[in-house]
N, C-alpha and C. Protein backbone atom coordinates (compact mmCIF):
# COMPACT_ATOMS: atom_id res chain seq x y z
N MET A 1 -11.56 -3.09 -2.69
CA MET A 1 -10.34 -3.94 -3.17
C MET A 1 -9.38 -4.44 -2.32
N VAL A 2 -9.89 -5.67 -2.46
CA VAL A 2 -8.76 -6.78 -1.54
C VAL A 2 -8.06 -8.05 -2.82
N THR A 3 -7.17 -8.68 -1.54
CA THR A 3 -6.60 -9.35 -2.84
C THR A 3 -5.91 -10.46 -1.75
N THR A 4 -4.87 -10.91 -2.20
CA THR A 4 -4.56 -12.03 -0.74
C THR A 4 -2.88 -11.38 -1.47
N LEU A 5 -1.98 -11.28 -0.26
CA LEU A 5 -0.70 -11.21 -0.62
C LEU A 5 0.49 -12.65 -0.23
N LYS A 6 1.48 -12.42 -0.40
CA LYS A 6 2.30 -13.55 0.10
C LYS A 6 3.14 -13.39 1.49
N PRO A 7 3.30 -14.29 1.53
CA PRO A 7 4.02 -13.79 3.58
C PRO A 7 5.35 -12.56 2.77
N LYS A 8 5.96 -13.09 2.05
CA LYS A 8 7.61 -11.69 2.01
C LYS A 8 6.97 -10.64 1.72
N ALA A 9 5.62 -10.32 0.62
CA ALA A 9 5.14 -9.27 0.46
C ALA A 9 4.49 -8.91 2.20
N TRP A 10 3.95 -9.27 3.26
CA TRP A 10 2.86 -9.54 4.28
C TRP A 10 3.80 -8.86 5.22
N LYS A 11 5.07 -9.69 5.02
CA LYS A 11 6.25 -9.22 6.16
C LYS A 11 6.78 -7.76 5.74
N LYS A 12 6.93 -7.26 4.72
CA LYS A 12 7.18 -5.78 3.63
C LYS A 12 6.30 -4.60 4.50
N LEU A 13 4.91 -5.24 4.49
CA LEU A 13 4.28 -4.22 5.32
C LEU A 13 4.84 -3.69 6.76
N GLU A 14 4.73 -5.10 7.46
CA GLU A 14 4.93 -6.10 8.76
C GLU A 14 5.80 -4.97 8.99
N LYS A 15 7.26 -4.54 8.96
CA LYS A 15 8.73 -3.98 9.34
C LYS A 15 8.86 -2.90 8.09
N ALA A 16 7.62 -1.88 7.43
CA ALA A 16 7.68 -0.57 7.45
C ALA A 16 6.59 -0.48 8.54
N GLN A 17 5.88 -0.96 8.72
CA GLN A 17 5.25 -0.43 9.54
C GLN A 17 5.83 -0.19 10.99
N ALA A 18 6.59 -1.42 12.04
CA ALA A 18 7.10 -1.36 12.74
C ALA A 18 8.62 -0.44 12.77
N GLU A 19 9.32 -0.19 11.24
CA GLU A 19 10.49 0.64 11.37
C GLU A 19 10.51 2.20 11.20
N TRP A 20 9.30 2.20 10.17
CA TRP A 20 9.09 3.35 10.20
C TRP A 20 7.56 4.73 10.76
N PRO A 21 8.12 5.91 10.75
CA PRO A 21 7.24 6.42 11.76
C PRO A 21 5.68 6.01 10.66
N GLN A 22 6.31 7.33 9.43
CA GLN A 22 5.05 7.26 8.29
C GLN A 22 5.68 6.15 7.10
N TRP A 23 5.26 5.93 5.80
CA TRP A 23 4.89 4.84 4.81
C TRP A 23 4.20 4.74 4.53
N VAL A 24 4.55 4.92 2.76
CA VAL A 24 2.78 4.49 1.90
C VAL A 24 3.82 3.30 1.26
N ALA A 25 2.58 2.42 1.11
CA ALA A 25 2.68 1.36 -0.08
C ALA A 25 2.23 0.83 -1.16
N SER A 26 2.59 1.20 -2.40
CA SER A 26 2.09 0.90 -3.52
C SER A 26 1.97 -0.34 -4.26
N MET A 27 0.52 -1.46 -4.54
CA MET A 27 0.00 -2.23 -4.57
C MET A 27 -0.04 -2.22 -6.33
N THR A 28 0.12 -3.11 -7.08
CA THR A 28 0.06 -3.52 -8.47
C THR A 28 -0.27 -5.09 -8.82
N GLY A 29 -1.65 -5.28 -10.06
CA GLY A 29 -1.61 -5.91 -9.96
C GLY A 29 -2.94 -6.62 -11.48
N LYS A 30 -3.32 -7.69 -11.50
CA LYS A 30 -4.19 -7.59 -12.79
C LYS A 30 -5.77 -7.53 -11.27
N LEU A 31 -6.53 -6.54 -12.24
CA LEU A 31 -8.23 -6.61 -11.66
C LEU A 31 -8.80 -7.88 -12.11
N GLY A 32 -9.25 -8.30 -11.09
CA GLY A 32 -9.86 -9.78 -11.21
C GLY A 32 -11.80 -8.71 -11.02
N ALA A 33 -12.35 -10.57 -9.99
CA ALA A 33 -13.40 -10.41 -10.76
C ALA A 33 -14.15 -8.87 -9.42
N GLN A 34 -15.46 -8.40 -10.17
CA GLN A 34 -16.05 -7.97 -8.85
C GLN A 34 -17.31 -8.79 -8.03
N VAL A 35 -17.51 -8.93 -6.74
CA VAL A 35 -18.48 -9.26 -5.83
C VAL A 35 -18.74 -8.09 -5.39
N ASN A 36 -20.55 -8.49 -5.63
CA ASN A 36 -21.54 -6.97 -4.85
C ASN A 36 -21.54 -7.70 -3.12
N SER A 37 -21.57 -6.78 -2.32
CA SER A 37 -21.26 -6.86 -0.94
C SER A 37 -22.06 -5.79 -0.69
N ASN A 38 -23.20 -5.69 0.97
CA ASN A 38 -24.10 -5.25 1.68
C ASN A 38 -23.31 -3.23 1.30
N ASP A 39 -21.76 -3.15 1.27
CA ASP A 39 -21.08 -2.23 1.40
C ASP A 39 -20.41 -1.83 0.03
N GLY A 40 -21.51 -2.76 -1.00
CA GLY A 40 -20.82 -2.25 -2.73
C GLY A 40 -19.94 -3.10 -2.84
N THR A 41 -19.43 -2.52 -4.32
CA THR A 41 -18.69 -3.33 -5.61
C THR A 41 -17.48 -3.68 -4.74
N ILE A 42 -16.90 -4.38 -4.80
CA ILE A 42 -15.46 -5.39 -3.85
C ILE A 42 -15.05 -5.59 -5.84
N VAL A 43 -13.82 -5.01 -5.49
CA VAL A 43 -12.48 -5.64 -7.05
C VAL A 43 -11.64 -6.91 -6.69
N MET A 44 -11.75 -7.93 -6.90
CA MET A 44 -10.06 -8.68 -6.27
C MET A 44 -8.90 -8.41 -7.44
N LEU A 45 -8.19 -8.38 -6.45
CA LEU A 45 -6.91 -7.56 -7.34
C LEU A 45 -5.93 -9.17 -7.25
N GLU A 46 -5.87 -9.56 -8.34
CA GLU A 46 -4.62 -10.95 -8.24
C GLU A 46 -3.26 -10.94 -8.72
N ASP A 47 -2.53 -11.83 -8.38
CA ASP A 47 -1.12 -11.80 -9.07
C ASP A 47 -0.66 -10.31 -8.04
N ALA A 48 -1.34 -10.10 -6.70
CA ALA A 48 -0.94 -8.49 -6.06
C ALA A 48 0.25 -8.37 -6.04
N ALA A 49 1.80 -7.74 -5.93
CA ALA A 49 2.79 -7.33 -5.89
C ALA A 49 3.29 -5.49 -4.89
N VAL A 50 3.90 -5.68 -3.83
CA VAL A 50 3.33 -4.14 -3.08
C VAL A 50 5.06 -4.00 -3.30
N GLN A 51 5.28 -2.82 -3.26
CA GLN A 51 6.50 -2.14 -2.67
C GLN A 51 5.87 -0.76 -2.20
N VAL A 52 7.10 -1.06 -1.25
CA VAL A 52 6.47 0.08 0.18
C VAL A 52 7.89 1.19 0.22
N PHE A 53 7.08 2.37 0.66
CA PHE A 53 8.64 2.93 0.74
C PHE A 53 8.43 4.09 1.98
N GLU A 54 9.02 4.86 2.84
CA GLU A 54 8.92 5.85 3.87
C GLU A 54 8.81 6.56 2.78
N LYS A 55 7.82 7.70 4.15
CA LYS A 55 7.18 8.91 3.50
C LYS A 55 8.31 10.14 4.43
N LYS A 56 8.65 10.88 3.78
CA LYS A 56 10.24 11.24 4.65
C LYS A 56 9.20 12.98 4.35
N ALA A 57 8.57 13.45 5.90
CA ALA A 57 8.59 14.85 5.48
C ALA A 57 9.59 15.56 5.07
N LYS A 58 8.72 16.18 4.49
CA LYS A 58 9.70 17.82 3.23
C LYS A 58 10.08 18.95 4.64
N VAL A 59 11.38 19.05 3.60
CA VAL A 59 12.21 20.02 4.92
C VAL A 59 10.97 21.64 4.67
N ALA A 60 10.83 22.88 4.99
CA ALA A 60 10.17 24.08 5.04
C ALA A 60 11.21 24.69 4.04
N ALA A 61 11.79 25.25 2.48
CA ALA A 61 12.35 26.23 2.40
C ALA A 61 12.02 27.38 3.14
N VAL A 62 13.64 28.11 3.12
CA VAL A 62 13.84 28.69 3.63
C VAL A 62 13.60 30.56 3.24
N ASP A 63 12.59 31.18 3.34
CA ASP A 63 12.81 32.62 2.95
C ASP A 63 13.61 33.43 3.20
N ASN A 64 15.05 34.10 2.34
CA ASN A 64 16.18 34.54 3.20
C ASN A 64 15.34 36.13 2.49
N SER A 65 14.50 37.02 2.09
CA SER A 65 14.22 37.97 1.67
C SER A 65 13.60 38.86 3.07
């Protein structure tokens, strides 16, 4: 998958990388053209939008039995 991001969306990714030890991102957009390359088929993602979330560690449940 290949896409072009607007500067504001790219800054969200840079900020997450700088501030959070673990993070995930969700990308949405319209599937565009498929391009063949030496590594296989590449799909273009048009009008991409990005949401970035901090990935917080899960607290282990305490067994009191």
